[in-house]
Amino acid sequence: MDSKDFGIFFAEIREKSGYKSQRQLALASNVSNGTIARIEAGTQKPQPETLKILSHFLKNVTYEELLEKSGYLTSDNHLNENNFANHNVDKASLVQFGERIAILRTEKGFSLQKLADELGIEKNALVQYESGELNPNIEDIRKLAEFFDVSTDHLLGKDKLLTKEDISKELQENGISMAFYDGLEGFDQLEPEQQQFILQQVKQSIEMFKKMREH
């Protein structure tokens, strides 16, 4: 998708998200009207940081999807080195990145050294990643995402808050009634990673129950 096609796509998403004009989105997101106008006209390729901000105000599209459509990610969620190489990850995302690596590594029972050996990444780099002190390179993000079987979007803390429709779909796919969701008071106020964790635990419990019934 070239810049012009992305502009058309973005304009459609904006309108579907309830912003009838570029100015309305600009006022809501604090991204300048001029920037949004140039993005939609296809005369300016949006920066990843701009897409990150805008993704919080758009419906039914994630930051990762915006990165893919604009050419920063490949269709299989790998970072496109040619387009992403010159863009650093912001400090807040570095901290999220480090925290999530540490959690995933601990869940697998891997030490820093073992993970370093497994992926061919310097142990010192992993230490700095987990502490949020080092901007990750493209190849390391790709290796870590593939190893932990998560998206780059998740590693960088760009998960979008789940809507009730998202949750309903997740539950239905796993044979769970929406009554379960209705009983989770305050679920929609949790952080995205907390929502995902709870749903993952529910799915794992269902799988365990199915295996127990088979025996």
N, C-alpha and C. Protein backbone atom coordinates (compact mmCIF):
# COMPACT_ATOMS: atom_id res chain seq x y z
N MET A 1 0.84 -1.19 0.00
CA MET A 1 0.00 0.00 0.00
C MET A 1 0.88 1.25 0.00
N ASP A 2 0.75 2.09 -1.04
CA ASP A 2 1.56 3.30 -1.09
C ASP A 2 0.91 4.40 -0.23
N SER A 3 1.57 5.56 -0.17
CA SER A 3 1.10 6.63 0.71
C SER A 3 -0.30 7.11 0.33
N LYS A 4 -0.60 7.14 -0.96
CA LYS A 4 -1.91 7.61 -1.41
C LYS A 4 -3.00 6.63 -0.97
N ASP A 5 -2.74 5.33 -1.15
CA ASP A 5 -3.72 4.32 -0.74
C ASP A 5 -3.90 4.32 0.77
N PHE A 6 -2.77 4.52 1.49
CA PHE A 6 -2.87 4.57 2.95
C PHE A 6 -3.72 5.76 3.37
N GLY A 7 -3.56 6.88 2.67
CA GLY A 7 -4.34 8.07 2.98
C GLY A 7 -5.83 7.82 2.84
N ILE A 8 -6.21 7.11 1.77
CA ILE A 8 -7.63 6.78 1.56
C ILE A 8 -8.12 5.86 2.68
N PHE A 9 -7.29 4.84 3.00
CA PHE A 9 -7.62 3.90 4.07
C PHE A 9 -7.80 4.64 5.40
N PHE A 10 -6.86 5.55 5.68
CA PHE A 10 -6.90 6.28 6.95
C PHE A 10 -8.14 7.16 7.05
N ALA A 11 -8.48 7.82 5.95
CA ALA A 11 -9.67 8.69 5.94
C ALA A 11 -10.93 7.89 6.24
N GLU A 12 -11.01 6.69 5.67
CA GLU A 12 -12.18 5.83 5.91
C GLU A 12 -12.26 5.42 7.38
N ILE A 13 -11.10 5.06 7.96
CA ILE A 13 -11.06 4.67 9.37
C ILE A 13 -11.46 5.85 10.26
N ARG A 14 -10.96 7.04 9.90
CA ARG A 14 -11.30 8.24 10.68
C ARG A 14 -12.81 8.46 10.71
N GLU A 15 -13.43 8.37 9.54
CA GLU A 15 -14.87 8.61 9.45
C GLU A 15 -15.66 7.54 10.19
N LYS A 16 -15.22 6.28 10.08
CA LYS A 16 -15.90 5.19 10.77
C LYS A 16 -15.73 5.30 12.28
N SER A 17 -14.69 6.00 12.70
CA SER A 17 -14.44 6.18 14.13
C SER A 17 -15.24 7.35 14.71
N GLY A 18 -16.03 8.00 13.86
CA GLY A 18 -16.91 9.06 14.33
C GLY A 18 -16.39 10.47 14.16
N TYR A 19 -15.24 10.61 13.48
CA TYR A 19 -14.68 11.95 13.24
C TYR A 19 -15.06 12.38 11.82
N LYS A 20 -16.03 13.26 11.71
CA LYS A 20 -16.52 13.66 10.40
C LYS A 20 -15.52 14.54 9.65
N SER A 21 -14.64 15.18 10.39
CA SER A 21 -13.65 16.04 9.75
C SER A 21 -12.26 15.74 10.31
N GLN A 22 -11.26 16.14 9.56
CA GLN A 22 -9.88 15.98 10.02
C GLN A 22 -9.65 16.81 11.27
N ARG A 23 -10.29 17.95 11.33
CA ARG A 23 -10.13 18.84 12.48
C ARG A 23 -10.62 18.19 13.78
N GLN A 24 -11.71 17.45 13.69
CA GLN A 24 -12.24 16.78 14.88
C GLN A 24 -11.23 15.79 15.45
N LEU A 25 -10.59 15.03 14.56
CA LEU A 25 -9.57 14.08 15.01
C LEU A 25 -8.36 14.81 15.55
N ALA A 26 -8.01 15.91 14.90
CA ALA A 26 -6.86 16.71 15.34
C ALA A 26 -7.08 17.24 16.76
N LEU A 27 -8.27 17.73 17.03
CA LEU A 27 -8.58 18.27 18.36
C LEU A 27 -8.57 17.18 19.42
N ALA A 28 -9.06 15.99 19.04
CA ALA A 28 -9.13 14.88 20.00
C ALA A 28 -7.75 14.30 20.30
N SER A 29 -6.91 14.20 19.28
CA SER A 29 -5.63 13.50 19.42
C SER A 29 -4.43 14.41 19.68
N ASN A 30 -4.60 15.70 19.44
CA ASN A 30 -3.49 16.66 19.57
C ASN A 30 -2.47 16.52 18.45
N VAL A 31 -2.80 15.77 17.40
CA VAL A 31 -1.98 15.71 16.20
C VAL A 31 -2.49 16.83 15.29
N SER A 32 -1.59 17.60 14.72
CA SER A 32 -2.02 18.78 13.96
C SER A 32 -2.92 18.44 12.78
N ASN A 33 -3.85 19.35 12.51
CA ASN A 33 -4.76 19.20 11.38
C ASN A 33 -3.97 19.05 10.08
N GLY A 34 -2.88 19.81 9.96
CA GLY A 34 -2.06 19.76 8.76
C GLY A 34 -1.44 18.40 8.54
N THR A 35 -0.96 17.78 9.63
CA THR A 35 -0.35 16.45 9.52
C THR A 35 -1.38 15.44 9.06
N ILE A 36 -2.57 15.47 9.66
CA ILE A 36 -3.63 14.53 9.28
C ILE A 36 -4.04 14.76 7.83
N ALA A 37 -4.13 16.02 7.43
CA ALA A 37 -4.51 16.35 6.05
C ALA A 37 -3.48 15.80 5.06
N ARG A 38 -2.20 15.94 5.38
CA ARG A 38 -1.14 15.45 4.48
C ARG A 38 -1.13 13.93 4.43
N ILE A 39 -1.41 13.28 5.57
CA ILE A 39 -1.48 11.82 5.60
C ILE A 39 -2.59 11.34 4.67
N GLU A 40 -3.76 11.96 4.80
CA GLU A 40 -4.91 11.54 3.99
C GLU A 40 -4.75 11.89 2.52
N ALA A 41 -3.97 12.92 2.24
CA ALA A 41 -3.74 13.31 0.85
C ALA A 41 -2.65 12.44 0.21
N GLY A 42 -1.94 11.70 1.05
CA GLY A 42 -0.88 10.83 0.55
C GLY A 42 0.40 11.56 0.24
N THR A 43 0.55 12.77 0.76
CA THR A 43 1.76 13.56 0.50
C THR A 43 2.78 13.45 1.63
N GLN A 44 2.39 12.81 2.73
CA GLN A 44 3.31 12.64 3.86
C GLN A 44 3.16 11.25 4.45
N LYS A 45 4.29 10.55 4.56
CA LYS A 45 4.27 9.24 5.21
C LYS A 45 4.26 9.47 6.72
N PRO A 46 3.27 8.94 7.43
CA PRO A 46 3.19 9.20 8.87
C PRO A 46 4.33 8.55 9.65
N GLN A 47 4.80 9.23 10.69
CA GLN A 47 5.82 8.68 11.56
C GLN A 47 5.19 7.63 12.47
N PRO A 48 5.94 6.59 12.86
CA PRO A 48 5.40 5.57 13.78
C PRO A 48 4.83 6.18 15.05
N GLU A 49 5.51 7.20 15.59
CA GLU A 49 5.03 7.83 16.83
C GLU A 49 3.67 8.50 16.61
N THR A 50 3.48 9.09 15.43
CA THR A 50 2.19 9.72 15.11
C THR A 50 1.10 8.67 15.02
N LEU A 51 1.41 7.55 14.38
CA LEU A 51 0.44 6.46 14.26
C LEU A 51 0.08 5.89 15.63
N LYS A 52 1.06 5.83 16.51
CA LYS A 52 0.82 5.32 17.87
C LYS A 52 -0.22 6.19 18.58
N ILE A 53 -0.04 7.50 18.46
CA ILE A 53 -0.98 8.43 19.11
C ILE A 53 -2.37 8.30 18.49
N LEU A 54 -2.43 8.31 17.17
CA LEU A 54 -3.72 8.27 16.48
C LEU A 54 -4.46 6.96 16.73
N SER A 55 -3.73 5.86 16.90
CA SER A 55 -4.37 4.55 17.10
C SER A 55 -5.27 4.53 18.33
N HIS A 56 -4.96 5.36 19.32
CA HIS A 56 -5.77 5.40 20.54
C HIS A 56 -7.12 6.07 20.32
N PHE A 57 -7.27 6.76 19.20
CA PHE A 57 -8.50 7.50 18.94
C PHE A 57 -9.31 6.91 17.79
N LEU A 58 -8.79 5.84 17.20
CA LEU A 58 -9.46 5.20 16.07
C LEU A 58 -10.06 3.86 16.48
N LYS A 59 -11.20 3.52 15.90
CA LYS A 59 -11.89 2.28 16.24
C LYS A 59 -11.57 1.17 15.25
N ASN A 60 -11.56 -0.05 15.77
CA ASN A 60 -11.40 -1.26 14.94
C ASN A 60 -10.11 -1.29 14.13
N VAL A 61 -9.06 -0.66 14.65
CA VAL A 61 -7.75 -0.75 14.02
C VAL A 61 -6.70 -0.61 15.12
N THR A 62 -5.66 -1.44 15.06
CA THR A 62 -4.61 -1.38 16.07
C THR A 62 -3.41 -0.60 15.54
N TYR A 63 -2.55 -0.25 16.45
CA TYR A 63 -1.30 0.43 16.08
C TYR A 63 -0.51 -0.44 15.11
N GLU A 64 -0.49 -1.74 15.41
CA GLU A 64 0.26 -2.67 14.56
C GLU A 64 -0.31 -2.70 13.14
N GLU A 65 -1.65 -2.66 13.02
CA GLU A 65 -2.28 -2.66 11.70
C GLU A 65 -1.95 -1.39 10.93
N LEU A 66 -1.90 -0.28 11.64
CA LEU A 66 -1.53 0.98 10.99
C LEU A 66 -0.08 0.94 10.51
N LEU A 67 0.79 0.32 11.32
CA LEU A 67 2.19 0.18 10.91
C LEU A 67 2.31 -0.69 9.67
N GLU A 68 1.51 -1.77 9.63
CA GLU A 68 1.55 -2.67 8.48
C GLU A 68 1.04 -1.96 7.22
N LYS A 69 -0.09 -1.28 7.34
CA LYS A 69 -0.68 -0.61 6.18
C LYS A 69 0.23 0.50 5.64
N SER A 70 0.98 1.13 6.54
CA SER A 70 1.85 2.23 6.11
C SER A 70 3.25 1.75 5.72
N GLY A 71 3.48 0.43 5.81
CA GLY A 71 4.74 -0.13 5.33
C GLY A 71 5.83 -0.35 6.35
N TYR A 72 5.52 -0.12 7.64
CA TYR A 72 6.54 -0.32 8.67
C TYR A 72 6.62 -1.77 9.13
N LEU A 73 5.54 -2.53 8.90
CA LEU A 73 5.52 -3.94 9.26
C LEU A 73 5.17 -4.76 8.03
N THR A 74 5.68 -5.98 7.98
CA THR A 74 5.29 -6.89 6.92
C THR A 74 3.97 -7.53 7.32
N SER A 75 3.34 -8.26 6.41
CA SER A 75 2.02 -8.84 6.69
C SER A 75 2.05 -9.88 7.79
N ASP A 76 3.22 -10.45 8.10
CA ASP A 76 3.30 -11.45 9.17
C ASP A 76 3.80 -10.83 10.47
N ASN A 77 3.61 -9.50 10.59
CA ASN A 77 3.93 -8.76 11.83
C ASN A 77 5.41 -8.63 12.12
N HIS A 78 6.27 -8.77 11.10
CA HIS A 78 7.69 -8.53 11.28
C HIS A 78 8.00 -7.09 10.90
N LEU A 79 8.91 -6.49 11.62
CA LEU A 79 9.28 -5.12 11.31
C LEU A 79 9.95 -5.03 9.95
N ASN A 80 9.54 -4.07 9.16
CA ASN A 80 10.13 -3.84 7.85
C ASN A 80 11.39 -3.01 8.04
N GLU A 81 12.53 -3.64 7.89
CA GLU A 81 13.80 -2.99 8.19
C GLU A 81 14.03 -1.73 7.36
N ASN A 82 13.63 -1.75 6.10
CA ASN A 82 13.87 -0.59 5.24
C ASN A 82 13.13 0.65 5.71
N ASN A 83 11.92 0.47 6.26
CA ASN A 83 11.11 1.61 6.66
C ASN A 83 11.23 1.98 8.13
N PHE A 84 11.63 1.01 8.96
CA PHE A 84 11.60 1.24 10.40
C PHE A 84 12.96 1.55 10.98
N ALA A 85 14.01 1.32 10.21
CA ALA A 85 15.37 1.38 10.74
C ALA A 85 15.73 2.69 11.41
N ASN A 86 15.21 3.80 10.93
CA ASN A 86 15.63 5.10 11.45
C ASN A 86 14.73 5.66 12.55
N HIS A 87 13.83 4.82 13.07
CA HIS A 87 12.90 5.30 14.08
C HIS A 87 13.15 4.62 15.41
N ASN A 88 13.43 5.41 16.45
CA ASN A 88 13.65 4.88 17.78
C ASN A 88 12.33 4.66 18.50
N VAL A 89 12.35 3.74 19.46
CA VAL A 89 11.19 3.48 20.29
C VAL A 89 11.19 4.48 21.43
N ASP A 90 10.03 5.08 21.75
CA ASP A 90 9.99 6.08 22.82
C ASP A 90 10.26 5.43 24.17
N LYS A 91 10.60 6.26 25.16
CA LYS A 91 11.01 5.78 26.48
C LYS A 91 9.93 4.93 27.14
N ALA A 92 8.67 5.38 27.07
CA ALA A 92 7.59 4.63 27.71
C ALA A 92 7.48 3.23 27.12
N SER A 93 7.64 3.14 25.79
CA SER A 93 7.57 1.84 25.14
C SER A 93 8.78 0.98 25.48
N LEU A 94 9.93 1.61 25.67
CA LEU A 94 11.13 0.87 26.08
C LEU A 94 10.90 0.19 27.42
N VAL A 95 10.28 0.92 28.34
CA VAL A 95 10.00 0.36 29.66
C VAL A 95 9.02 -0.81 29.54
N GLN A 96 7.96 -0.62 28.75
CA GLN A 96 6.98 -1.69 28.52
C GLN A 96 7.65 -2.89 27.88
N PHE A 97 8.50 -2.62 26.90
CA PHE A 97 9.22 -3.68 26.19
C PHE A 97 10.04 -4.50 27.18
N GLY A 98 10.79 -3.81 28.04
CA GLY A 98 11.62 -4.49 29.03
C GLY A 98 10.81 -5.30 30.02
N GLU A 99 9.72 -4.72 30.49
CA GLU A 99 8.87 -5.42 31.46
C GLU A 99 8.27 -6.68 30.87
N ARG A 100 7.85 -6.60 29.62
CA ARG A 100 7.21 -7.75 29.00
C ARG A 100 8.21 -8.86 28.68
N ILE A 101 9.41 -8.49 28.29
CA ILE A 101 10.44 -9.51 28.07
C ILE A 101 10.73 -10.23 29.38
N ALA A 102 10.88 -9.45 30.45
CA ALA A 102 11.19 -10.04 31.76
C ALA A 102 10.10 -11.00 32.21
N ILE A 103 8.83 -10.61 32.00
CA ILE A 103 7.71 -11.47 32.39
C ILE A 103 7.69 -12.75 31.56
N LEU A 104 7.82 -12.61 30.25
CA LEU A 104 7.79 -13.77 29.36
C LEU A 104 8.96 -14.70 29.62
N ARG A 105 10.12 -14.12 29.87
CA ARG A 105 11.32 -14.93 30.15
C ARG A 105 11.13 -15.71 31.45
N THR A 106 10.61 -15.04 32.47
CA THR A 106 10.40 -15.68 33.77
C THR A 106 9.37 -16.80 33.67
N GLU A 107 8.30 -16.55 32.90
CA GLU A 107 7.25 -17.56 32.73
C GLU A 107 7.81 -18.82 32.08
N LYS A 108 8.80 -18.65 31.20
CA LYS A 108 9.41 -19.80 30.54
C LYS A 108 10.49 -20.45 31.39
N GLY A 109 10.84 -19.78 32.50
CA GLY A 109 11.87 -20.33 33.38
C GLY A 109 13.28 -20.17 32.82
N PHE A 110 13.46 -19.14 31.98
CA PHE A 110 14.77 -18.90 31.37
C PHE A 110 15.53 -17.83 32.16
N SER A 111 16.82 -18.08 32.36
CA SER A 111 17.69 -17.04 32.91
C SER A 111 18.08 -16.12 31.75
N LEU A 112 18.64 -14.97 32.07
CA LEU A 112 19.10 -14.07 31.03
C LEU A 112 20.14 -14.74 30.14
N GLN A 113 21.04 -15.49 30.77
CA GLN A 113 22.09 -16.15 30.01
C GLN A 113 21.52 -17.22 29.08
N LYS A 114 20.54 -17.99 29.60
CA LYS A 114 19.94 -19.04 28.78
C LYS A 114 19.21 -18.45 27.59
N LEU A 115 18.49 -17.35 27.81
CA LEU A 115 17.77 -16.70 26.71
C LEU A 115 18.75 -16.12 25.70
N ALA A 116 19.83 -15.55 26.20
CA ALA A 116 20.86 -14.99 25.32
C ALA A 116 21.45 -16.07 24.43
N ASP A 117 21.74 -17.23 25.02
CA ASP A 117 22.31 -18.34 24.26
C ASP A 117 21.31 -18.88 23.25
N GLU A 118 20.04 -18.95 23.65
CA GLU A 118 19.00 -19.51 22.80
C GLU A 118 18.77 -18.65 21.55
N LEU A 119 18.81 -17.34 21.72
CA LEU A 119 18.48 -16.43 20.61
C LEU A 119 19.69 -15.81 19.92
N GLY A 120 20.87 -16.00 20.51
CA GLY A 120 22.06 -15.40 19.91
C GLY A 120 22.10 -13.90 20.11
N ILE A 121 21.56 -13.45 21.25
CA ILE A 121 21.59 -12.03 21.61
C ILE A 121 22.53 -11.86 22.79
N GLU A 122 23.33 -10.80 22.78
CA GLU A 122 24.25 -10.56 23.88
C GLU A 122 23.49 -10.42 25.20
N LYS A 123 24.00 -11.09 26.25
CA LYS A 123 23.35 -11.02 27.55
C LYS A 123 23.25 -9.57 28.03
N ASN A 124 24.30 -8.79 27.82
CA ASN A 124 24.30 -7.40 28.26
C ASN A 124 23.19 -6.60 27.57
N ALA A 125 22.92 -6.94 26.31
CA ALA A 125 21.84 -6.25 25.58
C ALA A 125 20.49 -6.59 26.22
N LEU A 126 20.30 -7.87 26.58
CA LEU A 126 19.06 -8.28 27.21
C LEU A 126 18.86 -7.58 28.55
N VAL A 127 19.95 -7.46 29.30
CA VAL A 127 19.88 -6.76 30.60
C VAL A 127 19.40 -5.33 30.39
N GLN A 128 19.95 -4.67 29.39
CA GLN A 128 19.58 -3.27 29.12
C GLN A 128 18.18 -3.16 28.52
N TYR A 129 17.76 -4.18 27.75
CA TYR A 129 16.40 -4.18 27.23
C TYR A 129 15.41 -4.24 28.40
N GLU A 130 15.66 -5.17 29.32
CA GLU A 130 14.73 -5.37 30.44
C GLU A 130 14.69 -4.18 31.38
N SER A 131 15.77 -3.43 31.44
CA SER A 131 15.80 -2.25 32.31
C SER A 131 15.32 -1.00 31.58
N GLY A 132 15.01 -1.14 30.28
CA GLY A 132 14.52 -0.01 29.50
C GLY A 132 15.58 1.00 29.14
N GLU A 133 16.84 0.56 29.14
CA GLU A 133 17.94 1.49 28.89
C GLU A 133 18.45 1.47 27.45
N LEU A 134 18.06 0.44 26.70
CA LEU A 134 18.60 0.29 25.35
C LEU A 134 17.49 0.17 24.32
N ASN A 135 17.58 0.95 23.25
CA ASN A 135 16.63 0.87 22.16
C ASN A 135 16.86 -0.43 21.39
N PRO A 136 15.87 -1.31 21.29
CA PRO A 136 16.07 -2.61 20.64
C PRO A 136 16.25 -2.48 19.13
N ASN A 137 17.12 -3.32 18.58
CA ASN A 137 17.24 -3.31 17.12
C ASN A 137 16.18 -4.22 16.51
N ILE A 138 15.96 -4.06 15.24
CA ILE A 138 14.88 -4.75 14.55
C ILE A 138 14.99 -6.26 14.65
N GLU A 139 16.18 -6.78 14.45
CA GLU A 139 16.36 -8.22 14.46
C GLU A 139 16.08 -8.82 15.83
N ASP A 140 16.49 -8.12 16.89
CA ASP A 140 16.26 -8.63 18.24
C ASP A 140 14.77 -8.63 18.58
N ILE A 141 14.04 -7.59 18.17
CA ILE A 141 12.60 -7.55 18.40
C ILE A 141 11.94 -8.73 17.69
N ARG A 142 12.36 -8.97 16.47
CA ARG A 142 11.81 -10.07 15.68
C ARG A 142 12.09 -11.42 16.35
N LYS A 143 13.33 -11.62 16.79
CA LYS A 143 13.69 -12.88 17.45
C LYS A 143 12.88 -13.11 18.72
N LEU A 144 12.76 -12.07 19.53
CA LEU A 144 12.04 -12.19 20.80
C LEU A 144 10.55 -12.46 20.58
N ALA A 145 9.95 -11.76 19.62
CA ALA A 145 8.53 -11.95 19.34
C ALA A 145 8.26 -13.37 18.86
N GLU A 146 9.11 -13.87 17.98
CA GLU A 146 8.93 -15.22 17.46
C GLU A 146 9.16 -16.27 18.55
N PHE A 147 10.17 -16.06 19.38
CA PHE A 147 10.50 -17.03 20.43
C PHE A 147 9.37 -17.13 21.46
N PHE A 148 8.82 -15.99 21.85
CA PHE A 148 7.76 -15.99 22.86
C PHE A 148 6.36 -16.14 22.25
N ASP A 149 6.31 -16.25 20.92
CA ASP A 149 5.06 -16.43 20.20
C ASP A 149 4.05 -15.31 20.50
N VAL A 150 4.53 -14.08 20.41
CA VAL A 150 3.67 -12.91 20.59
C VAL A 150 3.93 -11.95 19.43
N SER A 151 3.08 -10.97 19.28
CA SER A 151 3.28 -9.99 18.21
C SER A 151 4.28 -8.92 18.66
N THR A 152 4.88 -8.25 17.70
CA THR A 152 5.77 -7.14 18.03
C THR A 152 4.96 -6.04 18.71
N ASP A 153 3.69 -5.92 18.33
CA ASP A 153 2.80 -4.94 18.94
C ASP A 153 2.70 -5.18 20.44
N HIS A 154 2.57 -6.44 20.83
CA HIS A 154 2.47 -6.78 22.25
C HIS A 154 3.78 -6.49 22.97
N LEU A 155 4.89 -6.87 22.36
CA LEU A 155 6.19 -6.64 23.01
C LEU A 155 6.43 -5.16 23.26
N LEU A 156 6.02 -4.33 22.33
CA LEU A 156 6.25 -2.89 22.46
C LEU A 156 5.15 -2.17 23.24
N GLY A 157 4.21 -2.96 23.80
CA GLY A 157 3.18 -2.36 24.64
C GLY A 157 2.14 -1.57 23.89
N LYS A 158 1.85 -1.98 22.64
CA LYS A 158 0.89 -1.23 21.83
C LYS A 158 -0.45 -1.94 21.71
N ASP A 159 -0.74 -2.86 22.61
CA ASP A 159 -2.02 -3.55 22.57
C ASP A 159 -3.16 -2.55 22.67
N LYS A 160 -4.19 -2.78 21.91
CA LYS A 160 -5.35 -1.90 21.98
C LYS A 160 -6.34 -2.47 23.00
N LEU A 161 -6.96 -1.58 23.78
CA LEU A 161 -7.93 -1.99 24.77
C LEU A 161 -9.04 -2.78 24.07
N LEU A 162 -9.42 -3.92 24.64
CA LEU A 162 -10.43 -4.77 24.04
C LEU A 162 -11.82 -4.14 24.16
N THR A 163 -12.59 -4.19 23.08
CA THR A 163 -13.97 -3.72 23.13
C THR A 163 -14.85 -4.90 23.55
N LYS A 164 -16.11 -4.62 23.86
CA LYS A 164 -17.02 -5.70 24.24
C LYS A 164 -17.19 -6.68 23.08
N GLU A 165 -17.15 -6.16 21.85
CA GLU A 165 -17.27 -7.03 20.67
C GLU A 165 -16.07 -7.97 20.58
N ASP A 166 -14.86 -7.43 20.86
CA ASP A 166 -13.65 -8.26 20.84
C ASP A 166 -13.77 -9.38 21.86
N ILE A 167 -14.22 -9.02 23.06
CA ILE A 167 -14.33 -10.00 24.15
C ILE A 167 -15.37 -11.05 23.82
N SER A 168 -16.51 -10.60 23.27
CA SER A 168 -17.58 -11.52 22.90
C SER A 168 -17.08 -12.55 21.90
N LYS A 169 -16.31 -12.09 20.91
CA LYS A 169 -15.76 -12.99 19.89
C LYS A 169 -14.81 -13.99 20.52
N GLU A 170 -13.93 -13.51 21.40
CA GLU A 170 -12.97 -14.39 22.09
C GLU A 170 -13.71 -15.47 22.87
N LEU A 171 -14.73 -15.07 23.61
CA LEU A 171 -15.46 -16.02 24.46
C LEU A 171 -16.23 -17.02 23.62
N GLN A 172 -16.90 -16.55 22.57
CA GLN A 172 -17.68 -17.44 21.71
C GLN A 172 -16.80 -18.48 21.04
N GLU A 173 -15.60 -18.05 20.62
CA GLU A 173 -14.68 -18.98 19.97
C GLU A 173 -14.24 -20.09 20.92
N ASN A 174 -14.34 -19.82 22.22
CA ASN A 174 -13.94 -20.81 23.21
C ASN A 174 -15.13 -21.41 23.96
N GLY A 175 -16.33 -21.21 23.38
CA GLY A 175 -17.52 -21.82 23.95
C GLY A 175 -17.94 -21.28 25.30
N ILE A 176 -17.68 -20.00 25.55
CA ILE A 176 -18.02 -19.40 26.84
C ILE A 176 -19.15 -18.39 26.65
N SER A 177 -20.13 -18.44 27.54
CA SER A 177 -21.26 -17.52 27.47
C SER A 177 -20.84 -16.11 27.85
N MET A 178 -21.50 -15.11 27.25
CA MET A 178 -21.22 -13.72 27.61
C MET A 178 -21.60 -13.43 29.06
N ALA A 179 -22.35 -14.34 29.68
CA ALA A 179 -22.71 -14.17 31.09
C ALA A 179 -21.44 -14.15 31.93
N PHE A 180 -20.41 -14.86 31.45
CA PHE A 180 -19.13 -14.88 32.16
C PHE A 180 -18.54 -13.47 32.18
N TYR A 181 -18.58 -12.81 31.02
CA TYR A 181 -18.05 -11.44 30.94
C TYR A 181 -18.85 -10.50 31.83
N ASP A 182 -20.18 -10.66 31.81
CA ASP A 182 -21.04 -9.78 32.61
C ASP A 182 -20.73 -9.89 34.09
N GLY A 183 -20.18 -11.04 34.48
CA GLY A 183 -19.84 -11.24 35.89
C GLY A 183 -18.50 -10.65 36.27
N LEU A 184 -17.73 -10.21 35.29
CA LEU A 184 -16.41 -9.62 35.55
C LEU A 184 -16.55 -8.11 35.67
N GLU A 185 -17.05 -7.66 36.79
CA GLU A 185 -17.25 -6.23 36.99
C GLU A 185 -15.92 -5.47 36.93
N GLY A 186 -15.87 -4.43 36.10
CA GLY A 186 -14.66 -3.62 36.00
C GLY A 186 -13.64 -4.15 35.01
N PHE A 187 -13.98 -5.24 34.28
CA PHE A 187 -13.03 -5.84 33.33
C PHE A 187 -12.60 -4.83 32.27
N ASP A 188 -13.57 -4.02 31.81
CA ASP A 188 -13.26 -3.06 30.74
C ASP A 188 -12.40 -1.90 31.21
N GLN A 189 -12.15 -1.82 32.51
CA GLN A 189 -11.31 -0.75 33.04
C GLN A 189 -9.86 -1.20 33.26
N LEU A 190 -9.61 -2.48 33.03
CA LEU A 190 -8.26 -3.01 33.21
C LEU A 190 -7.36 -2.58 32.06
N GLU A 191 -6.04 -2.66 32.30
CA GLU A 191 -5.07 -2.39 31.25
C GLU A 191 -5.16 -3.51 30.21
N PRO A 192 -4.80 -3.24 28.93
CA PRO A 192 -4.88 -4.25 27.88
C PRO A 192 -4.18 -5.55 28.23
N GLU A 193 -2.96 -5.46 28.80
CA GLU A 193 -2.23 -6.68 29.12
C GLU A 193 -2.92 -7.48 30.22
N GLN A 194 -3.63 -6.78 31.14
CA GLN A 194 -4.37 -7.47 32.20
C GLN A 194 -5.58 -8.20 31.61
N GLN A 195 -6.27 -7.54 30.67
CA GLN A 195 -7.39 -8.18 29.99
C GLN A 195 -6.93 -9.44 29.26
N GLN A 196 -5.84 -9.30 28.52
CA GLN A 196 -5.32 -10.43 27.76
C GLN A 196 -4.90 -11.57 28.68
N PHE A 197 -4.31 -11.23 29.82
CA PHE A 197 -3.86 -12.25 30.77
C PHE A 197 -5.05 -13.06 31.29
N ILE A 198 -6.13 -12.36 31.66
CA ILE A 198 -7.31 -13.05 32.19
C ILE A 198 -7.93 -13.95 31.13
N LEU A 199 -8.07 -13.44 29.91
CA LEU A 199 -8.64 -14.26 28.83
C LEU A 199 -7.77 -15.47 28.53
N GLN A 200 -6.45 -15.27 28.59
CA GLN A 200 -5.53 -16.38 28.35
C GLN A 200 -5.67 -17.44 29.42
N GLN A 201 -5.82 -17.01 30.67
CA GLN A 201 -5.99 -17.96 31.78
C GLN A 201 -7.29 -18.74 31.62
N VAL A 202 -8.34 -18.05 31.18
CA VAL A 202 -9.63 -18.72 30.96
C VAL A 202 -9.50 -19.77 29.88
N LYS A 203 -8.83 -19.41 28.78
CA LYS A 203 -8.67 -20.35 27.67
C LYS A 203 -7.84 -21.56 28.09
N GLN A 204 -6.79 -21.32 28.87
CA GLN A 204 -5.96 -22.42 29.34
C GLN A 204 -6.74 -23.35 30.26
N SER A 205 -7.60 -22.77 31.09
CA SER A 205 -8.42 -23.57 32.01
C SER A 205 -9.39 -24.44 31.22
N ILE A 206 -9.95 -23.89 30.14
CA ILE A 206 -10.88 -24.65 29.31
C ILE A 206 -10.16 -25.81 28.64
N GLU A 207 -8.96 -25.55 28.13
CA GLU A 207 -8.18 -26.60 27.49
C GLU A 207 -7.85 -27.71 28.48
N MET A 208 -7.50 -27.33 29.70
CA MET A 208 -7.19 -28.30 30.74
C MET A 208 -8.42 -29.14 31.07
N PHE A 209 -9.59 -28.48 31.15
CA PHE A 209 -10.83 -29.17 31.44
C PHE A 209 -11.16 -30.19 30.35
N LYS A 210 -10.96 -29.78 29.09
CA LYS A 210 -11.24 -30.68 27.96
C LYS A 210 -10.35 -31.92 28.01
N LYS A 211 -9.07 -31.71 28.34
CA LYS A 211 -8.13 -32.84 28.42
C LYS A 211 -8.50 -33.78 29.56
N MET A 212 -8.95 -33.22 30.68
CA MET A 212 -9.35 -34.04 31.83
C MET A 212 -10.57 -34.88 31.48
N ARG A 213 -11.50 -34.31 30.71
CA ARG A 213 -12.70 -35.05 30.32
C ARG A 213 -12.37 -36.19 29.38
N GLU A 214 -11.34 -35.98 28.55
CA GLU A 214 -10.94 -37.02 27.60
C GLU A 214 -10.38 -38.24 28.31
N HIS A 215 -9.83 -38.01 29.50
CA HIS A 215 -9.27 -39.11 30.28
C HIS A 215 -10.29 -39.55 31.31
